[in-house]
Protein backbone atom coordinates (compact mmCIF):
# COMPACT_ATOMS: atom_id res chain seq x y z
CA MET A 1 -79.36 54.67 98.62
CA ALA A 2 -77.22 57.29 96.85
CA GLU A 3 -76.64 60.50 98.80
CA GLY A 4 -75.01 63.77 97.86
CA SER A 5 -72.31 65.43 99.94
CA ASP A 6 -74.96 67.51 101.71
CA GLY A 7 -76.97 64.48 102.79
CA ARG A 8 -79.68 64.74 100.17
CA VAL A 9 -81.04 61.53 98.70
CA LEU A 10 -80.49 61.58 94.95
CA ALA A 11 -83.52 61.00 92.73
CA PRO A 12 -83.43 58.42 89.93
CA PHE A 13 -83.21 59.93 86.46
CA GLY A 14 -86.57 60.80 84.91
CA ARG A 15 -90.06 60.35 86.23
CA ARG A 16 -91.70 57.08 87.21
CA ARG A 17 -95.26 55.89 87.66
CA CYS A 18 -96.49 55.26 91.21
CA GLU A 19 -99.84 53.77 92.14
CA VAL A 20 -102.26 55.41 94.53
CA ALA A 21 -102.71 53.24 97.61
CA GLY A 22 -105.23 55.42 99.42
CA ASN A 23 -106.74 58.86 99.81
CA ARG A 24 -108.42 59.90 103.04
CA GLU A 25 -109.92 63.02 104.53
CA SER A 26 -108.10 64.73 107.36
CA GLY A 27 -109.97 67.77 108.64
CA GLY A 28 -110.08 70.28 105.81
CA TYR A 29 -107.19 68.54 104.02
CA ARG A 30 -106.59 65.16 102.44
CA ILE A 31 -103.74 62.67 102.76
CA PHE A 32 -102.99 60.53 99.71
CA SER A 33 -100.53 57.66 99.61
CA LEU A 34 -98.41 56.45 96.69
CA LEU A 35 -96.54 53.17 96.30
CA ASP A 36 -93.08 53.75 94.87
CA GLU A 37 -91.53 50.47 93.71
CA SER A 38 -88.16 51.79 92.52
CA GLY A 39 -87.36 55.09 94.22
CA PRO A 40 -85.16 55.61 97.31
CA ALA A 41 -86.50 56.69 100.70
CA PRO A 42 -86.44 60.50 101.05
CA ARG A 43 -84.93 62.62 103.81
CA ALA A 44 -87.07 65.06 105.79
CA GLY A 45 -87.47 68.31 103.90
CA GLN A 46 -87.11 66.84 100.42
CA PHE A 47 -89.93 67.09 97.90
CA TYR A 48 -91.42 65.40 94.84
CA MET A 49 -92.78 66.75 91.56
CA LEU A 50 -96.20 65.17 91.00
CA ALA A 51 -98.63 64.94 88.08
CA THR A 52 -101.53 62.54 87.69
CA GLU A 53 -101.48 60.01 84.85
CA ARG A 54 -105.01 60.99 83.81
CA GLY A 55 -106.77 64.35 83.89
CA TRP A 56 -103.62 66.46 83.89
CA GLY A 57 -103.35 69.02 81.10
CA GLU A 58 -105.69 67.04 78.86
CA GLY A 59 -107.22 69.05 76.04
CA GLY A 60 -104.85 71.94 76.71
CA GLY A 61 -106.46 72.74 80.06
CA ARG A 62 -104.90 73.35 83.45
CA PRO A 63 -102.92 72.10 85.22
CA PHE A 64 -100.07 72.24 82.74
CA LEU A 65 -97.05 71.57 84.95
CA PRO A 66 -96.31 69.13 87.80
CA ARG A 67 -96.70 70.32 91.38
CA ALA A 68 -94.00 70.26 94.06
CA PHE A 69 -94.98 68.60 97.35
CA SER A 70 -92.97 67.90 100.49
CA VAL A 71 -93.32 64.31 101.64
CA ALA A 72 -95.00 63.90 105.03
CA ALA A 73 -94.21 60.24 105.72
CA ALA A 74 -92.35 57.36 104.11
CA GLY A 75 -92.20 53.69 105.03
CA GLU A 76 -92.09 50.13 103.72
CA ALA A 77 -95.37 48.66 102.46
CA GLY A 78 -95.43 45.22 100.86
CA GLY A 79 -92.05 45.51 99.19
CA ALA A 80 -92.61 49.07 98.00
CA LEU A 81 -92.02 52.48 99.52
CA ARG A 82 -95.20 54.16 100.73
CA LEU A 83 -95.15 57.95 100.40
CA ASP A 84 -97.76 60.11 102.14
CA PHE A 85 -98.59 63.65 101.03
CA LEU A 86 -100.81 66.29 102.66
CA VAL A 87 -102.87 68.39 100.23
CA GLU A 88 -105.49 71.12 100.25
CA GLY A 89 -107.63 71.67 97.17
CA VAL A 90 -107.11 75.32 96.24
CA GLY A 91 -106.56 75.16 92.46
CA PRO A 92 -106.81 72.81 89.46
CA GLY A 93 -103.67 70.85 90.36
CA THR A 94 -104.39 70.34 94.04
CA ARG A 95 -108.08 69.64 93.42
CA ARG A 96 -107.09 66.87 90.99
CA LEU A 97 -104.75 65.38 93.60
CA CYS A 98 -107.51 65.60 96.20
CA GLY A 99 -109.68 63.46 93.93
CA LEU A 100 -107.19 60.61 93.47
CA GLU A 101 -108.63 57.11 93.79
CA PRO A 102 -106.83 53.86 94.71
CA GLY A 103 -105.25 52.22 91.67
CA GLU A 104 -104.75 55.44 89.75
CA GLY A 105 -101.31 56.36 88.49
CA VAL A 106 -99.25 59.41 89.45
CA TRP A 107 -96.07 60.47 87.67
CA VAL A 108 -93.36 61.14 90.24
CA ASN A 109 -89.92 62.73 90.10
CA GLY A 110 -87.95 62.77 93.34
CA PRO A 111 -86.85 62.93 96.04
CA LEU A 112 -85.45 66.35 95.20
CA GLY A 113 -83.87 69.22 97.09
CA ARG A 114 -81.76 69.68 100.18
CA PRO A 115 -83.06 68.04 103.38
CA PHE A 116 -83.22 69.57 106.84
CA SER A 117 -79.85 69.80 108.58
CA ALA A 118 -78.96 68.01 111.79
CA PRO A 119 -79.46 70.37 114.75
CA ALA A 120 -75.75 70.20 115.64
CA ASP A 121 -74.83 71.32 112.12
CA LEU A 122 -76.79 74.55 112.65
CA ALA A 123 -75.62 75.13 116.23
CA PRO A 124 -72.87 72.89 117.70
CA ALA A 125 -74.30 73.19 121.23
CA ALA A 126 -77.85 72.24 120.18
CA ALA A 127 -79.31 69.35 122.14
CA GLY A 128 -82.86 69.52 120.79
CA ALA A 129 -85.17 71.14 118.28
CA ILE A 130 -88.33 73.21 118.09
CA LEU A 131 -90.54 72.37 115.12
CA ILE A 132 -93.06 75.02 114.08
CA GLY A 133 -95.51 74.56 111.23
CA GLY A 134 -98.50 76.33 109.72
CA GLY A 135 -101.25 74.92 107.51
CA ILE A 136 -100.13 72.25 105.07
CA GLY A 137 -96.59 73.30 105.99
CA ILE A 138 -96.82 70.82 108.84
CA ALA A 139 -96.12 68.00 106.34
CA PRO A 140 -92.28 67.99 106.22
CA LEU A 141 -92.14 68.48 109.99
CA ALA A 142 -93.94 65.16 110.49
CA ILE A 143 -91.17 63.17 108.82
CA LEU A 144 -88.54 65.39 110.46
CA ARG A 145 -89.94 64.59 113.91
CA ARG A 146 -89.56 60.88 113.18
CA GLU A 147 -85.97 61.36 111.98
CA LEU A 148 -85.07 63.27 115.13
CA ALA A 149 -86.74 60.67 117.36
CA SER A 150 -84.80 57.86 115.64
CA GLY A 151 -81.61 59.72 116.54
CA ALA A 152 -82.75 60.25 120.16
CA ILE A 153 -82.91 64.02 119.62
CA PRO A 154 -85.73 65.61 121.65
CA SER A 155 -88.13 67.95 119.88
CA ARG A 156 -91.08 70.15 120.72
CA VAL A 157 -93.78 70.61 118.09
CA LEU A 158 -95.87 73.77 117.56
CA LEU A 159 -98.56 73.71 114.86
CA GLY A 160 -100.93 76.45 113.79
CA PHE A 161 -103.98 76.75 111.53
CA ARG A 162 -106.20 79.53 110.24
CA ASP A 163 -109.51 77.87 111.15
CA ARG A 164 -111.22 74.48 111.28
CA GLN A 165 -111.73 74.43 107.49
CA HIS A 166 -108.02 74.97 106.90
CA SER A 167 -106.58 72.38 109.26
CA GLY A 168 -105.83 68.69 109.40
CA GLY A 169 -103.13 66.07 109.42
CA VAL A 170 -102.20 66.40 113.09
CA GLU A 171 -103.51 63.08 114.43
CA GLU A 172 -102.57 61.09 111.32
CA LEU A 173 -99.06 62.46 110.85
CA PHE A 174 -97.94 63.19 114.40
CA ASP A 175 -99.62 60.17 116.15
CA CYS A 176 -99.22 60.35 119.92
CA SER A 177 -96.41 62.88 120.07
CA GLU A 178 -96.85 65.95 122.24
CA VAL A 179 -98.04 68.79 120.03
CA ARG A 180 -99.03 72.31 121.02
CA LEU A 181 -101.70 73.81 118.76
CA ALA A 182 -102.75 77.33 117.85
CA SER A 183 -105.66 78.46 115.70
CA GLU A 184 -106.61 81.95 114.63
CA ASP A 185 -110.31 81.27 115.19
CA GLY A 186 -109.73 79.54 118.53
CA HIS A 187 -111.22 76.18 117.51
CA SER A 188 -108.21 74.31 118.89
CA GLY A 189 -105.46 75.18 121.35
CA HIS A 190 -104.19 78.72 121.74
CA ARG A 191 -106.35 81.38 120.10
CA GLY A 192 -103.93 83.31 117.92
CA TYR A 193 -100.82 82.67 115.89
CA VAL A 194 -98.47 79.72 116.27
CA THR A 195 -95.65 82.25 116.51
CA ASP A 196 -97.18 83.33 119.84
CA LEU A 197 -96.25 79.90 121.16
CA LEU A 198 -92.77 80.17 119.71
CA GLY A 199 -92.31 83.55 121.37
CA VAL A 200 -92.92 81.99 124.78
CA MET A 201 -90.40 79.22 124.10
CA LEU A 202 -87.76 81.68 122.92
CA GLU A 203 -87.96 83.38 126.30
CA GLY A 204 -87.09 80.15 128.15
CA ASP A 205 -83.79 79.65 129.94
CA ASP A 206 -82.90 76.62 127.83
CA VAL A 207 -83.56 78.19 124.43
CA GLY A 208 -79.84 78.29 123.68
CA SER A 209 -79.77 74.50 123.54
CA ALA A 210 -82.28 74.28 120.68
CA VAL A 211 -82.59 75.12 117.01
CA VAL A 212 -85.82 75.95 115.18
CA PHE A 213 -87.13 74.22 112.06
CA ALA A 214 -90.15 75.79 110.36
CA CYS A 215 -92.45 75.34 107.39
CA GLY A 216 -95.60 77.27 106.59
CA PRO A 217 -96.94 80.41 104.88
CA PRO A 218 -94.36 83.04 103.91
CA ALA A 219 -95.58 85.53 106.54
CA MET A 220 -95.19 82.92 109.27
CA LEU A 221 -91.71 81.97 108.07
CA GLU A 222 -90.61 85.60 108.00
CA ALA A 223 -91.90 86.10 111.54
CA VAL A 224 -90.02 82.99 112.68
CA ARG A 225 -86.84 84.16 110.95
CA LEU A 226 -86.93 87.58 112.63
CA MET A 227 -87.87 86.17 116.04
CA CYS A 228 -85.00 83.67 115.96
CA ARG A 229 -82.55 86.31 114.82
CA GLY A 230 -83.60 88.54 117.71
CA ALA A 231 -83.21 85.68 120.20
CA GLY A 232 -79.88 84.52 118.78
CA VAL A 233 -81.30 81.10 117.92
CA ALA A 234 -80.39 79.25 114.72
CA CYS A 235 -83.30 78.41 112.45
CA GLU A 236 -83.85 76.57 109.19
CA LEU A 237 -86.88 77.21 107.00
CA ALA A 238 -88.50 74.90 104.45
CA MET A 239 -89.68 77.35 101.81
CA GLU A 240 -91.78 77.12 98.71
CA SER A 241 -92.08 79.07 95.50
CA GLY A 242 -93.32 78.45 92.00
CA MET A 243 -91.49 75.45 90.53
CA ALA A 244 -91.88 74.29 86.96
CA CYS A 245 -89.09 71.72 86.77
CA GLY A 246 -87.63 70.83 90.19
CA TYR A 247 -84.00 70.62 89.03
CA GLY A 248 -82.87 74.22 88.55
CA ALA A 249 -83.54 74.85 84.87
CA CYS A 250 -86.42 77.32 84.95
CA PHE A 251 -85.32 79.72 87.74
CA GLY A 252 -88.95 80.08 88.77
CA CYS A 253 -88.12 79.51 92.44
CA ALA A 254 -85.31 82.04 92.88
CA VAL A 255 -85.23 83.87 96.23
CA PRO A 256 -82.90 86.75 97.25
CA LEU A 257 -79.84 86.02 99.40
CA THR A 258 -78.66 88.18 102.26
CA GLY A 259 -75.32 88.99 100.62
CA GLY A 260 -76.82 89.64 97.20
CA GLY A 261 -77.73 87.35 94.34
CA TYR A 262 -80.26 84.55 94.39
CA MET A 263 -80.66 80.89 95.20
CA ARG A 264 -82.92 78.36 93.50
CA LEU A 265 -85.08 76.66 96.10
CA CYS A 266 -85.42 73.43 94.13
CA VAL A 267 -81.67 72.67 94.11
CA ASP A 268 -80.16 74.98 96.77
CA GLY A 269 -83.16 74.49 99.11
CA PRO A 270 -86.00 74.12 99.82
CA THR A 271 -84.50 74.17 103.33
CA VAL A 272 -82.50 77.32 103.98
CA ALA A 273 -80.83 78.76 107.06
CA GLY A 274 -82.58 81.89 108.28
CA GLU A 275 -79.48 84.05 107.86
CA GLU A 276 -79.00 82.91 104.25
CA ILE A 277 -81.96 84.79 102.83
CA GLU A 278 -82.96 88.44 102.66
CA THR A 279 -86.64 87.65 103.27
CA ALA A 280 -89.04 84.71 103.41
CA LEU A 281 -91.83 86.78 101.86
CA VAL A 282 -91.55 85.21 98.43
CA GLU A 283 -94.13 86.16 95.81
CA GLY A 284 -96.00 83.42 94.02
CA SER A 285 -95.73 80.76 96.72
CA GLY A 286 -98.59 78.34 97.34
CA HIS A 287 -99.83 75.16 95.68
CA ARG A 288 -102.30 75.53 92.83
C-alpha cells in the first residue's frame, strides 16, 4: 500500500469499476457497499469520487459530475476490499446512489485526500479523542473510531441528528461502541444539538488530554471550531465543499485560510486543523 509523506493512501491512476455488493436502509439513510478488487485500503477521513455505470448523465441530464463521499467502513470480503458508504437522497446524484442494486457497477476514483491525524500529532499530550458527528457526517468517524481502537487509543463518540427522518447509520457503523446521541426533535438521546454534549465534555477536568475530531454540517463544524478554540483544545475537522475532480484541478473546493489565501479541500484536506481555516461556513457544501 503506497502512502504519501502525510500518511495518506495514494489512489491508483484513473477510475475503476467496482460492483455493488449490497444496499440497505438505515433509518432515513442508506448504506451501500462496493467491492473493490484492485484499490488499496483507505485511511479514515479519505474520500472517493463516485459515479454509477448506468443512469449517470445519460441524455445530457443530471447528474453530470461524480460525487465525493467519505468512506464509512472498509474490510476484506472474499478477496476484494469492501467499501461502505452512507448516503441520503437529496438530489439527482445521491438519489441515484440510493437506488443502487447488487451487481450494478460504480465508477470509483480513490482513496483521495488527507486522512485524520493521529491525536498525538495534534497535541503531544493527547491520550484520547472525542469524535463528534452530525447527520451523514458520522460516516468518516465510524472508520476513525476503528482505527483509534486498533491503536488502543480511547475515544468518546457524540452523534447528532436533525430528526428521525434525517438519521441513521449508528447501529450499523458503530456496532456496540458507547455512543452519546442528540437529536433536535428529541426522538433519541439529548434533545438539542450535539454541540451541547461537547460543551459538557469540554468543561471536564481531563479535557486537556483529548483532541476533537468532527464531521458534519458547516454550522456544526464552525461551532465545534470556536468551542475548541475557547477551551484550548486541538481539533481537526473533516470538511466538504463542491468537488468536480477530486485532485485539485478545478478549485471548486477552495476554503479561506487563517493567514490569508486558500486551500483546496480535495488535496490539502478534507481534514483540516481548526486553526488552519478562517471559517468552516463554506458555501455550496452538501451532497447533491
